[in-house]
């Protein structure tokens, strides 16, 4: 098999090198699969948290007790969780990129 390196010169690769490259590709596919699963879990966690906050706000709003403070707290929690999910997503993207 022939490949071209950075200076556009041909280089023949051997069978062990091909096996190494295939093994490396397999490892990268596993890492990307795990990262995709992790992102899905984070999004599900985020959506569940938002749903719980919204339900708590609706319950408290119906009770008419400290509704404004609960709405503020819910908005603050949504903001904090969204920043957390965004940060984790960027870390996973960096890991996938550097793999």
N, C-alpha and C. Protein backbone atom coordinates (compact mmCIF):
# COMPACT_ATOMS: atom_id res chain seq x y z
N UNK A 1 0.84 -1.15 0.00
CA UNK A 1 0.00 0.00 0.00
C UNK A 1 0.90 1.23 0.00
N UNK A 2 0.50 2.28 -0.74
CA UNK A 2 1.28 3.49 -0.84
C UNK A 2 0.51 4.65 -0.22
N UNK A 3 1.20 5.45 0.58
CA UNK A 3 0.59 6.65 1.15
C UNK A 3 1.50 7.83 0.85
N UNK A 4 0.94 9.03 1.00
CA UNK A 4 1.72 10.24 0.79
C UNK A 4 1.86 10.95 2.12
N UNK A 5 3.08 11.38 2.44
CA UNK A 5 3.29 12.09 3.71
C UNK A 5 3.18 13.60 3.47
N UNK A 6 3.61 14.40 4.44
CA UNK A 6 3.44 15.86 4.38
C UNK A 6 4.16 16.51 3.20
N UNK A 7 5.26 15.98 2.80
CA UNK A 7 6.02 16.58 1.70
C UNK A 7 5.65 15.98 0.35
N UNK A 8 4.50 15.28 0.28
CA UNK A 8 3.99 14.67 -0.96
C UNK A 8 4.95 13.66 -1.57
N UNK A 9 5.70 12.97 -0.75
CA UNK A 9 6.54 11.90 -1.25
C UNK A 9 5.87 10.58 -0.92
N UNK A 10 6.07 9.61 -1.80
CA UNK A 10 5.45 8.31 -1.60
C UNK A 10 6.19 7.52 -0.54
N UNK A 11 5.42 6.74 0.20
CA UNK A 11 6.01 5.85 1.19
C UNK A 11 5.18 4.57 1.20
N UNK A 12 5.86 3.46 1.09
CA UNK A 12 5.18 2.18 1.16
C UNK A 12 5.04 1.79 2.63
N UNK A 13 3.84 1.38 3.01
CA UNK A 13 3.66 0.95 4.39
C UNK A 13 3.53 -0.56 4.43
N UNK A 14 3.96 -1.11 5.52
CA UNK A 14 3.98 -2.57 5.66
C UNK A 14 2.69 -3.06 6.30
N UNK A 15 2.53 -4.35 6.31
CA UNK A 15 1.34 -4.97 6.89
C UNK A 15 1.19 -4.65 8.38
N UNK A 16 2.27 -4.70 9.18
CA UNK A 16 2.10 -4.33 10.59
C UNK A 16 1.64 -2.88 10.78
N UNK A 17 2.12 -1.98 9.90
CA UNK A 17 1.69 -0.59 9.99
C UNK A 17 0.21 -0.45 9.67
N UNK A 18 -0.25 -1.22 8.68
CA UNK A 18 -1.67 -1.20 8.33
C UNK A 18 -2.51 -1.74 9.49
N UNK A 19 -2.03 -2.81 10.09
CA UNK A 19 -2.75 -3.36 11.25
C UNK A 19 -2.80 -2.36 12.39
N UNK A 20 -1.69 -1.66 12.61
CA UNK A 20 -1.66 -0.64 13.66
C UNK A 20 -2.67 0.48 13.37
N UNK A 21 -2.71 0.93 12.12
CA UNK A 21 -3.65 2.00 11.75
C UNK A 21 -5.10 1.54 11.90
N UNK A 22 -5.38 0.30 11.54
CA UNK A 22 -6.74 -0.22 11.69
C UNK A 22 -7.13 -0.33 13.16
N UNK A 23 -6.19 -0.76 14.00
CA UNK A 23 -6.44 -0.85 15.44
C UNK A 23 -6.69 0.55 16.03
N UNK A 24 -5.90 1.52 15.58
CA UNK A 24 -6.07 2.90 16.04
C UNK A 24 -7.44 3.45 15.62
N UNK A 25 -7.85 3.14 14.40
CA UNK A 25 -9.17 3.56 13.93
C UNK A 25 -10.28 2.93 14.75
N UNK A 26 -10.11 1.67 15.11
CA UNK A 26 -11.10 0.98 15.95
C UNK A 26 -11.20 1.64 17.33
N UNK A 27 -10.06 1.98 17.89
CA UNK A 27 -10.05 2.64 19.21
C UNK A 27 -10.72 4.01 19.13
N UNK A 28 -10.44 4.76 18.07
CA UNK A 28 -11.08 6.07 17.91
C UNK A 28 -12.59 5.94 17.76
N UNK A 29 -13.04 4.92 17.05
CA UNK A 29 -14.47 4.71 16.89
C UNK A 29 -15.13 4.40 18.23
N UNK A 30 -14.45 3.61 19.07
CA UNK A 30 -14.98 3.30 20.40
C UNK A 30 -15.05 4.56 21.26
N UNK A 31 -14.01 5.37 21.22
CA UNK A 31 -13.99 6.61 22.01
C UNK A 31 -15.08 7.56 21.54
N UNK A 32 -15.25 7.71 20.24
CA UNK A 32 -16.30 8.59 19.73
C UNK A 32 -17.68 8.07 20.09
N UNK A 33 -17.86 6.76 20.09
CA UNK A 33 -19.14 6.18 20.48
C UNK A 33 -19.44 6.47 21.94
N UNK A 34 -18.43 6.30 22.80
CA UNK A 34 -18.61 6.60 24.23
C UNK A 34 -18.90 8.08 24.45
N UNK A 35 -18.22 8.93 23.71
CA UNK A 35 -18.45 10.37 23.85
C UNK A 35 -19.86 10.74 23.40
N UNK A 36 -20.33 10.13 22.33
CA UNK A 36 -21.70 10.39 21.86
C UNK A 36 -22.72 9.96 22.90
N UNK A 37 -22.49 8.79 23.49
CA UNK A 37 -23.39 8.32 24.56
C UNK A 37 -23.36 9.26 25.74
N UNK A 38 -22.19 9.75 26.08
CA UNK A 38 -22.05 10.68 27.21
C UNK A 38 -22.81 11.98 26.95
N UNK A 39 -22.71 12.49 25.73
CA UNK A 39 -23.44 13.71 25.38
C UNK A 39 -24.94 13.48 25.46
N UNK A 40 -25.40 12.34 24.98
CA UNK A 40 -26.83 12.03 25.09
C UNK A 40 -27.27 11.96 26.55
N UNK A 41 -26.46 11.37 27.41
CA UNK A 41 -26.79 11.31 28.83
C UNK A 41 -26.84 12.70 29.45
N UNK A 42 -25.90 13.56 29.06
CA UNK A 42 -25.89 14.92 29.59
C UNK A 42 -27.13 15.68 29.16
N UNK A 43 -27.52 15.54 27.90
CA UNK A 43 -28.72 16.23 27.42
C UNK A 43 -29.96 15.71 28.14
N UNK A 44 -30.06 14.40 28.31
CA UNK A 44 -31.19 13.84 29.05
C UNK A 44 -31.23 14.34 30.48
N UNK A 45 -30.07 14.41 31.13
CA UNK A 45 -29.99 14.94 32.50
C UNK A 45 -30.44 16.39 32.54
N UNK A 46 -29.98 17.17 31.58
CA UNK A 46 -30.34 18.58 31.52
C UNK A 46 -31.85 18.75 31.31
N UNK A 47 -32.41 18.00 30.38
CA UNK A 47 -33.85 18.12 30.12
C UNK A 47 -34.68 17.66 31.32
N UNK A 48 -34.25 16.61 31.99
CA UNK A 48 -34.96 16.14 33.18
C UNK A 48 -34.90 17.19 34.28
N UNK A 49 -33.75 17.81 34.45
CA UNK A 49 -33.61 18.85 35.46
C UNK A 49 -34.52 20.03 35.15
N UNK A 50 -34.54 20.46 33.91
CA UNK A 50 -35.41 21.57 33.52
C UNK A 50 -36.87 21.22 33.76
N UNK A 51 -37.26 19.99 33.40
CA UNK A 51 -38.65 19.57 33.62
C UNK A 51 -39.00 19.58 35.10
N UNK A 52 -38.09 19.13 35.95
CA UNK A 52 -38.33 19.12 37.40
C UNK A 52 -38.45 20.55 37.93
N UNK A 53 -37.62 21.45 37.44
CA UNK A 53 -37.68 22.84 37.89
C UNK A 53 -39.00 23.48 37.45
N UNK A 54 -39.39 23.24 36.22
CA UNK A 54 -40.65 23.82 35.73
C UNK A 54 -41.83 23.28 36.52
N UNK A 55 -41.83 22.00 36.81
CA UNK A 55 -42.92 21.41 37.61
C UNK A 55 -42.95 22.01 39.01
N UNK A 56 -41.78 22.17 39.61
CA UNK A 56 -41.74 22.77 40.95
C UNK A 56 -42.26 24.20 40.92
N UNK A 57 -41.90 24.95 39.89
CA UNK A 57 -42.39 26.32 39.77
C UNK A 57 -43.90 26.34 39.59
N UNK A 58 -44.42 25.45 38.78
CA UNK A 58 -45.87 25.41 38.57
C UNK A 58 -46.60 25.03 39.84
N UNK A 59 -46.06 24.08 40.59
CA UNK A 59 -46.71 23.67 41.85
C UNK A 59 -46.71 24.83 42.84
N UNK A 60 -45.57 25.49 42.98
CA UNK A 60 -45.49 26.60 43.93
C UNK A 60 -46.34 27.78 43.46
N UNK A 61 -46.38 28.01 42.17
CA UNK A 61 -47.19 29.11 41.65
C UNK A 61 -48.66 28.87 41.95
N UNK A 62 -49.09 27.63 41.86
CA UNK A 62 -50.48 27.31 42.19
C UNK A 62 -50.75 27.56 43.67
N UNK A 63 -49.76 27.34 44.50
CA UNK A 63 -49.94 27.54 45.94
C UNK A 63 -49.84 29.02 46.32
N UNK A 64 -49.36 29.85 45.38
CA UNK A 64 -49.24 31.30 45.58
C UNK A 64 -48.32 31.68 46.75
N UNK A 65 -47.32 30.91 47.02
CA UNK A 65 -46.42 31.25 48.11
C UNK A 65 -45.00 31.43 47.57
N UNK A 66 -44.49 32.62 47.66
CA UNK A 66 -43.14 32.94 47.22
C UNK A 66 -42.87 32.56 45.77
N UNK A 67 -43.83 32.82 44.91
CA UNK A 67 -43.71 32.43 43.51
C UNK A 67 -42.56 33.15 42.82
N UNK A 68 -42.37 34.41 43.12
CA UNK A 68 -41.32 35.18 42.45
C UNK A 68 -39.93 34.65 42.81
N UNK A 69 -39.72 34.32 44.07
CA UNK A 69 -38.41 33.80 44.46
C UNK A 69 -38.14 32.42 43.85
N UNK A 70 -39.19 31.62 43.74
CA UNK A 70 -39.01 30.30 43.14
C UNK A 70 -38.72 30.42 41.64
N UNK A 71 -39.40 31.34 40.97
CA UNK A 71 -39.13 31.57 39.54
C UNK A 71 -37.69 32.04 39.35
N UNK A 72 -37.23 32.95 40.20
CA UNK A 72 -35.84 33.42 40.12
C UNK A 72 -34.87 32.26 40.35
N UNK A 73 -35.13 31.46 41.36
CA UNK A 73 -34.27 30.31 41.66
C UNK A 73 -34.25 29.32 40.50
N UNK A 74 -35.42 29.08 39.91
CA UNK A 74 -35.50 28.16 38.77
C UNK A 74 -34.71 28.68 37.59
N UNK A 75 -34.83 29.97 37.32
CA UNK A 75 -34.08 30.57 36.20
C UNK A 75 -32.58 30.48 36.47
N UNK A 76 -32.19 30.72 37.71
CA UNK A 76 -30.77 30.62 38.06
C UNK A 76 -30.26 29.19 37.90
N UNK A 77 -31.04 28.21 38.33
CA UNK A 77 -30.63 26.81 38.19
C UNK A 77 -30.53 26.40 36.72
N UNK A 78 -31.49 26.83 35.91
CA UNK A 78 -31.43 26.52 34.47
C UNK A 78 -30.17 27.13 33.86
N UNK A 79 -29.85 28.35 34.25
CA UNK A 79 -28.65 29.00 33.74
C UNK A 79 -27.39 28.24 34.14
N UNK A 80 -27.29 27.86 35.39
CA UNK A 80 -26.12 27.12 35.88
C UNK A 80 -26.00 25.77 35.19
N UNK A 81 -27.10 25.05 35.05
CA UNK A 81 -27.05 23.74 34.40
C UNK A 81 -26.71 23.88 32.92
N UNK A 82 -27.21 24.92 32.27
CA UNK A 82 -26.90 25.10 30.85
C UNK A 82 -25.41 25.39 30.67
N UNK A 83 -24.82 26.19 31.55
CA UNK A 83 -23.38 26.45 31.46
C UNK A 83 -22.60 25.16 31.73
N UNK A 84 -23.04 24.38 32.69
CA UNK A 84 -22.37 23.12 33.01
C UNK A 84 -22.41 22.15 31.83
N UNK A 85 -23.57 22.02 31.21
CA UNK A 85 -23.69 21.12 30.06
C UNK A 85 -22.85 21.62 28.90
N UNK A 86 -22.85 22.92 28.66
CA UNK A 86 -22.05 23.48 27.58
C UNK A 86 -20.57 23.22 27.81
N UNK A 87 -20.10 23.40 29.05
CA UNK A 87 -18.69 23.14 29.38
C UNK A 87 -18.34 21.67 29.18
N UNK A 88 -19.20 20.78 29.64
CA UNK A 88 -18.93 19.35 29.47
C UNK A 88 -18.92 18.97 28.00
N UNK A 89 -19.84 19.56 27.23
CA UNK A 89 -19.89 19.29 25.79
C UNK A 89 -18.59 19.74 25.13
N UNK A 90 -18.08 20.90 25.50
CA UNK A 90 -16.82 21.38 24.92
C UNK A 90 -15.65 20.49 25.31
N UNK A 91 -15.63 20.00 26.54
CA UNK A 91 -14.56 19.08 26.96
C UNK A 91 -14.60 17.79 26.14
N UNK A 92 -15.80 17.24 25.95
CA UNK A 92 -15.91 16.01 25.16
C UNK A 92 -15.51 16.25 23.72
N UNK A 93 -15.90 17.40 23.16
CA UNK A 93 -15.53 17.71 21.79
C UNK A 93 -14.02 17.83 21.66
N UNK A 94 -13.36 18.42 22.66
CA UNK A 94 -11.91 18.55 22.65
C UNK A 94 -11.25 17.17 22.72
N UNK A 95 -11.79 16.30 23.54
CA UNK A 95 -11.24 14.94 23.65
C UNK A 95 -11.37 14.21 22.33
N UNK A 96 -12.53 14.33 21.69
CA UNK A 96 -12.72 13.66 20.41
C UNK A 96 -11.78 14.24 19.35
N UNK A 97 -11.61 15.56 19.35
CA UNK A 97 -10.75 16.20 18.37
C UNK A 97 -9.29 15.79 18.53
N UNK A 98 -8.83 15.66 19.75
CA UNK A 98 -7.43 15.32 19.99
C UNK A 98 -7.15 13.83 19.92
N UNK A 99 -8.15 13.01 19.75
CA UNK A 99 -7.93 11.57 19.74
C UNK A 99 -7.36 11.12 18.43
